[in-house]
C-alpha atoms as a PDB file:
ATOM      1  CA  MET A   1      11.204  16.211 -11.655  1.00  0.00           C
ATOM      2  CA  ASP A   2       8.243  13.942 -11.107  1.00  0.00           C
ATOM      3  CA  ARG A   3       5.350  14.483  -8.711  1.00  0.00           C
ATOM      4  CA  ARG A   4       6.698  12.047  -6.115  1.00  0.00           C
ATOM      5  CA  ALA A   5       9.936  14.026  -5.881  1.00  0.00           C
ATOM      6  CA  ALA A   6       8.011  17.306  -5.786  1.00  0.00           C
ATOM      7  CA  LYS A   7       5.893  16.040  -2.891  1.00  0.00           C
ATOM      8  CA  GLU A   8       8.998  14.938  -0.959  1.00  0.00           C
ATOM      9  CA  LEU A   9      10.540  18.361  -1.492  1.00  0.00           C
ATOM     10  CA  ALA A  10       7.346  20.034  -0.279  1.00  0.00           C
ATOM     11  CA  HIS A  11       7.540  17.943   2.891  1.00  0.00           C
ATOM     12  CA  ILE A  12      11.212  18.830   3.345  1.00  0.00           C
ATOM     13  CA  LYS A  13      10.440  22.527   3.017  1.00  0.00           C
ATOM     14  CA  THR A  14       7.784  22.265   5.740  1.00  0.00           C
ATOM     15  CA  TRP A  15      10.076  20.310   8.040  1.00  0.00           C
ATOM     16  CA  LEU A  16      12.918  22.773   7.573  1.00  0.00           C
ATOM     17  CA  GLU A  17      10.555  25.595   8.482  1.00  0.00           C
ATOM     18  CA  ARG A  18       9.565  23.703  11.636  1.00  0.00           C
ATOM     19  CA  ALA A  19      13.232  23.140  12.470  1.00  0.00           C
ATOM     20  CA  GLY A  20      13.671  26.909  12.147  1.00  0.00           C
ATOM     21  CA  ASN A  21      10.840  27.348  14.632  1.00  0.00           C
ATOM     22  CA  ILE A  22      12.686  25.168  17.139  1.00  0.00           C
ATOM     23  CA  VAL A  23      15.893  27.121  16.558  1.00  0.00           C
ATOM     24  CA  SER A  24      14.091  30.436  16.992  1.00  0.00           C
ATOM     25  CA  ARG A  25      13.445  29.477  20.617  1.00  0.00           C
ATOM     26  CA  GLY A  26      17.177  29.434  21.245  1.00  0.00           C
ATOM     27  CA  ARG A  27      19.869  26.967  22.180  1.00  0.00           C
ATOM     28  CA  ASP A  28      19.199  27.062  25.918  1.00  0.00           C
ATOM     29  CA  ALA A  29      15.491  26.425  25.454  1.00  0.00           C
ATOM     30  CA  TYR A  30      16.289  23.480  23.192  1.00  0.00           C
ATOM     31  CA  LEU A  31      18.820  21.974  25.587  1.00  0.00           C
ATOM     32  CA  ASP A  32      16.438  22.378  28.540  1.00  0.00           C
ATOM     33  CA  ASP A  33      13.302  21.019  26.860  1.00  0.00           C
ATOM     34  CA  GLU A  34      13.072  17.311  26.104  1.00  0.00           C
ATOM     35  CA  LEU A  35       9.950  17.865  24.041  1.00  0.00           C
ATOM     36  CA  LEU A  36      11.795  20.270  21.720  1.00  0.00           C
ATOM     37  CA  GLN A  37      14.599  17.723  21.469  1.00  0.00           C
ATOM     38  CA  GLU A  38      12.149  14.984  20.519  1.00  0.00           C
ATOM     39  CA  ALA A  39      10.536  17.295  17.972  1.00  0.00           C
ATOM     40  CA  GLY A  40      13.934  18.011  16.450  1.00  0.00           C
ATOM     41  CA  ASP A  41      14.715  14.299  16.337  1.00  0.00           C
ATOM     42  CA  SER A  42      11.422  13.607  14.598  1.00  0.00           C
ATOM     43  CA  LEU A  43      12.120  16.250  11.966  1.00  0.00           C
ATOM     44  CA  MET A  44      15.621  14.929  11.329  1.00  0.00           C
ATOM     45  CA  MET A  45      14.313  11.359  10.985  1.00  0.00           C
ATOM     46  CA  LYS A  46      11.698  12.506   8.478  1.00  0.00           C
ATOM     47  CA  LEU A  47      14.298  14.509   6.563  1.00  0.00           C
ATOM     48  CA  GLY A  48      16.520  11.432   6.371  1.00  0.00           C
ATOM     49  CA  GLU A  49      13.694   9.294   5.062  1.00  0.00           C
ATOM     50  CA  ALA A  50      12.743  11.918   2.469  1.00  0.00           C
ATOM     51  CA  ALA A  51      16.407  12.205   1.443  1.00  0.00           C
ATOM     52  CA  ASN A  52      16.492   8.440   0.954  1.00  0.00           C
ATOM     53  CA  ARG A  53      13.402   8.601  -1.241  1.00  0.00           C
ATOM     54  CA  LEU A  54      14.825  11.470  -3.291  1.00  0.00           C
ATOM     55  CA  LYS A  55      18.064   9.561  -3.728  1.00  0.00           C
ATOM     56  CA  GLY A  56      16.002   6.592  -4.970  1.00  0.00           C
ATOM     57  CA  LEU A  57      14.261   8.904  -7.433  1.00  0.00           C
ATOM     58  CA  SER A  58      17.678  10.083  -8.683  1.00  0.00           C
ATOM     59  CA  VAL A  59      17.118  13.683  -7.579  1.00  0.00           C
ATOM     60  CA  MET A  60      20.536  15.273  -7.404  1.00  0.00           C
ATOM     61  CA  PRO A  61      21.014  17.444  -4.338  1.00  0.00           C
ATOM     62  CA  PRO A  62      22.336  20.964  -4.802  1.00  0.00           C
ATOM     63  CA  GLU A  63      25.717  22.007  -3.476  1.00  0.00           C
ATOM     64  CA  GLY A  64      25.694  22.071   0.303  1.00  0.00           C
ATOM     65  CA  VAL A  65      23.164  19.244   0.615  1.00  0.00           C
ATOM     66  CA  THR A  66      24.151  15.596   0.935  1.00  0.00           C
ATOM     67  CA  TRP A  67      21.371  13.044   0.979  1.00  0.00           C
ATOM     68  CA  ALA A  68      23.717  10.459   2.517  1.00  0.00           C
ATOM     69  CA  ASP A  69      24.359  12.681   5.555  1.00  0.00           C
ATOM     70  CA  ALA A  70      20.640  13.028   6.255  1.00  0.00           C
ATOM     71  CA  ILE A  71      20.139   9.288   5.820  1.00  0.00           C
ATOM     72  CA  ALA A  72      23.023   8.492   8.180  1.00  0.00           C
ATOM     73  CA  ASN A  73      21.679  11.004  10.724  1.00  0.00           C
ATOM     74  CA  ARG A  74      18.242   9.374  10.546  1.00  0.00           C
ATOM     75  CA  ASN A  75      19.710   5.942  11.112  1.00  0.00           C
ATOM     76  CA  PHE A  76      21.781   7.155  14.051  1.00  0.00           C
ATOM     77  CA  ILE A  77      18.802   8.797  15.746  1.00  0.00           C
ATOM     78  CA  ILE A  78      16.644   5.698  15.258  1.00  0.00           C
ATOM     79  CA  HIS A  79      19.180   3.035  16.174  1.00  0.00           C
ATOM     80  CA  LYS A  80      21.491   4.806  18.620  1.00  0.00           C
ATOM     81  CA  TYR A  81      19.025   7.090  20.369  1.00  0.00           C
ATOM     82  CA  ASP A  82      20.778   6.390  23.663  1.00  0.00           C
ATOM     83  CA  GLN A  83      23.994   7.928  22.305  1.00  0.00           C
ATOM     84  CA  ILE A  84      22.568  11.212  20.989  1.00  0.00           C
ATOM     85  CA  LYS A  85      24.583  14.265  21.966  1.00  0.00           C
ATOM     86  CA  ARG A  86      22.231  17.221  22.200  1.00  0.00           C
ATOM     87  CA  GLU A  87      24.933  19.778  21.383  1.00  0.00           C
ATOM     88  CA  LEU A  88      25.349  18.029  18.032  1.00  0.00           C
ATOM     89  CA  THR A  89      21.639  17.828  17.293  1.00  0.00           C
ATOM     90  CA  TRP A  90      21.398  21.540  18.096  1.00  0.00           C
ATOM     91  CA  GLU A  91      24.197  22.281  15.621  1.00  0.00           C
ATOM     92  CA  THR A  92      22.423  20.226  12.984  1.00  0.00           C
ATOM     93  CA  LEU A  93      19.164  22.089  13.521  1.00  0.00           C
ATOM     94  CA  ASP A  94      20.766  25.510  13.828  1.00  0.00           C
ATOM     95  CA  ARG A  95      23.414  25.464  11.140  1.00  0.00           C
ATOM     96  CA  ASP A  96      23.103  22.504   8.828  1.00  0.00           C
ATOM     97  CA  LEU A  97      19.371  22.595   8.265  1.00  0.00           C
ATOM     98  CA  ALA A  98      19.313  26.363   7.841  1.00  0.00           C
ATOM     99  CA  ALA A  99      21.961  25.948   5.131  1.00  0.00           C
ATOM    100  CA  TRP A 100      19.886  23.195   3.535  1.00  0.00           C
ATOM    101  CA  LYS A 101      16.884  25.483   3.367  1.00  0.00           C
ATOM    102  CA  ALA A 102      18.880  28.067   1.439  1.00  0.00           C
ATOM    103  CA  SER A 103      20.539  25.495  -0.846  1.00  0.00           C
ATOM    104  CA  LEU A 104      17.259  23.769  -1.683  1.00  0.00           C
ATOM    105  CA  ALA A 105      15.353  26.995  -2.488  1.00  0.00           C
ATOM    106  CA  ASP A 106      15.490  26.460  -6.273  1.00  0.00           C
ATOM    107  CA  LEU A 107      14.300  22.856  -6.002  1.00  0.00           C
ATOM    108  CA  PHE A 108      11.498  23.962  -3.667  1.00  0.00           C
ATOM    109  CA  HIS A 109      10.399  26.547  -6.224  1.00  0.00           C
ATOM    110  CA  GLU A 110      10.463  23.962  -9.020  1.00  0.00           C
ATOM    111  CA  ALA A 111       8.493  21.474  -6.893  1.00  0.00           C
ATOM    112  CA  GLU A 112       5.878  24.072  -5.933  1.00  0.00           C
ATOM    113  CA  ALA A 113       5.406  25.069  -9.572  1.00  0.00           C
ATOM    114  CA  LEU A 114       4.988  21.439 -10.621  1.00  0.00           C
ATOM    115  CA  LEU A 115       2.507  20.672  -7.862  1.00  0.00           C
ATOM    116  CA  ALA A 116       0.518  23.837  -8.620  1.00  0.00           C
ATOM    117  CA  SER A 117       0.329  22.954 -12.332  1.00  0.00           C
ATOM    118  CA  GLY A 118      -1.081  19.507 -11.697  1.00  0.00           C
ATOM    119  CA  GLU A 119       1.268  18.080 -14.352  1.00  0.00           C
ATOM    120  CA  ASP A 120       4.442  15.993 -14.377  1.00  0.00           C
ATOM    121  CA  ALA A 121       7.589  17.600 -15.699  1.00  0.00           C
END
């Protein structure tokens, strides 16, 4: 893994933690609060962009993570924002991104070690 990939993974870890913060407030709070919805959208757009960069760097996602899904989700949110269904974005935040966090744990650890060492692998 190179430093660029490690930095993208560090960003993804942070964004997944923030998504967890949104989820911790509960489904009803999310569905009732446009600001939380916008925050979730922002996180999913950033995750899609980072996934695209990792794909370009030939970082293979672990089982349970599909870069193409995150990229497609990003594109949908950006280009079809008027068609977003909040029940679906909630499911993405609540289930899909929580699963990503668990699946990416080993890559996060590898990225953190590389960034802490100051070297390229």
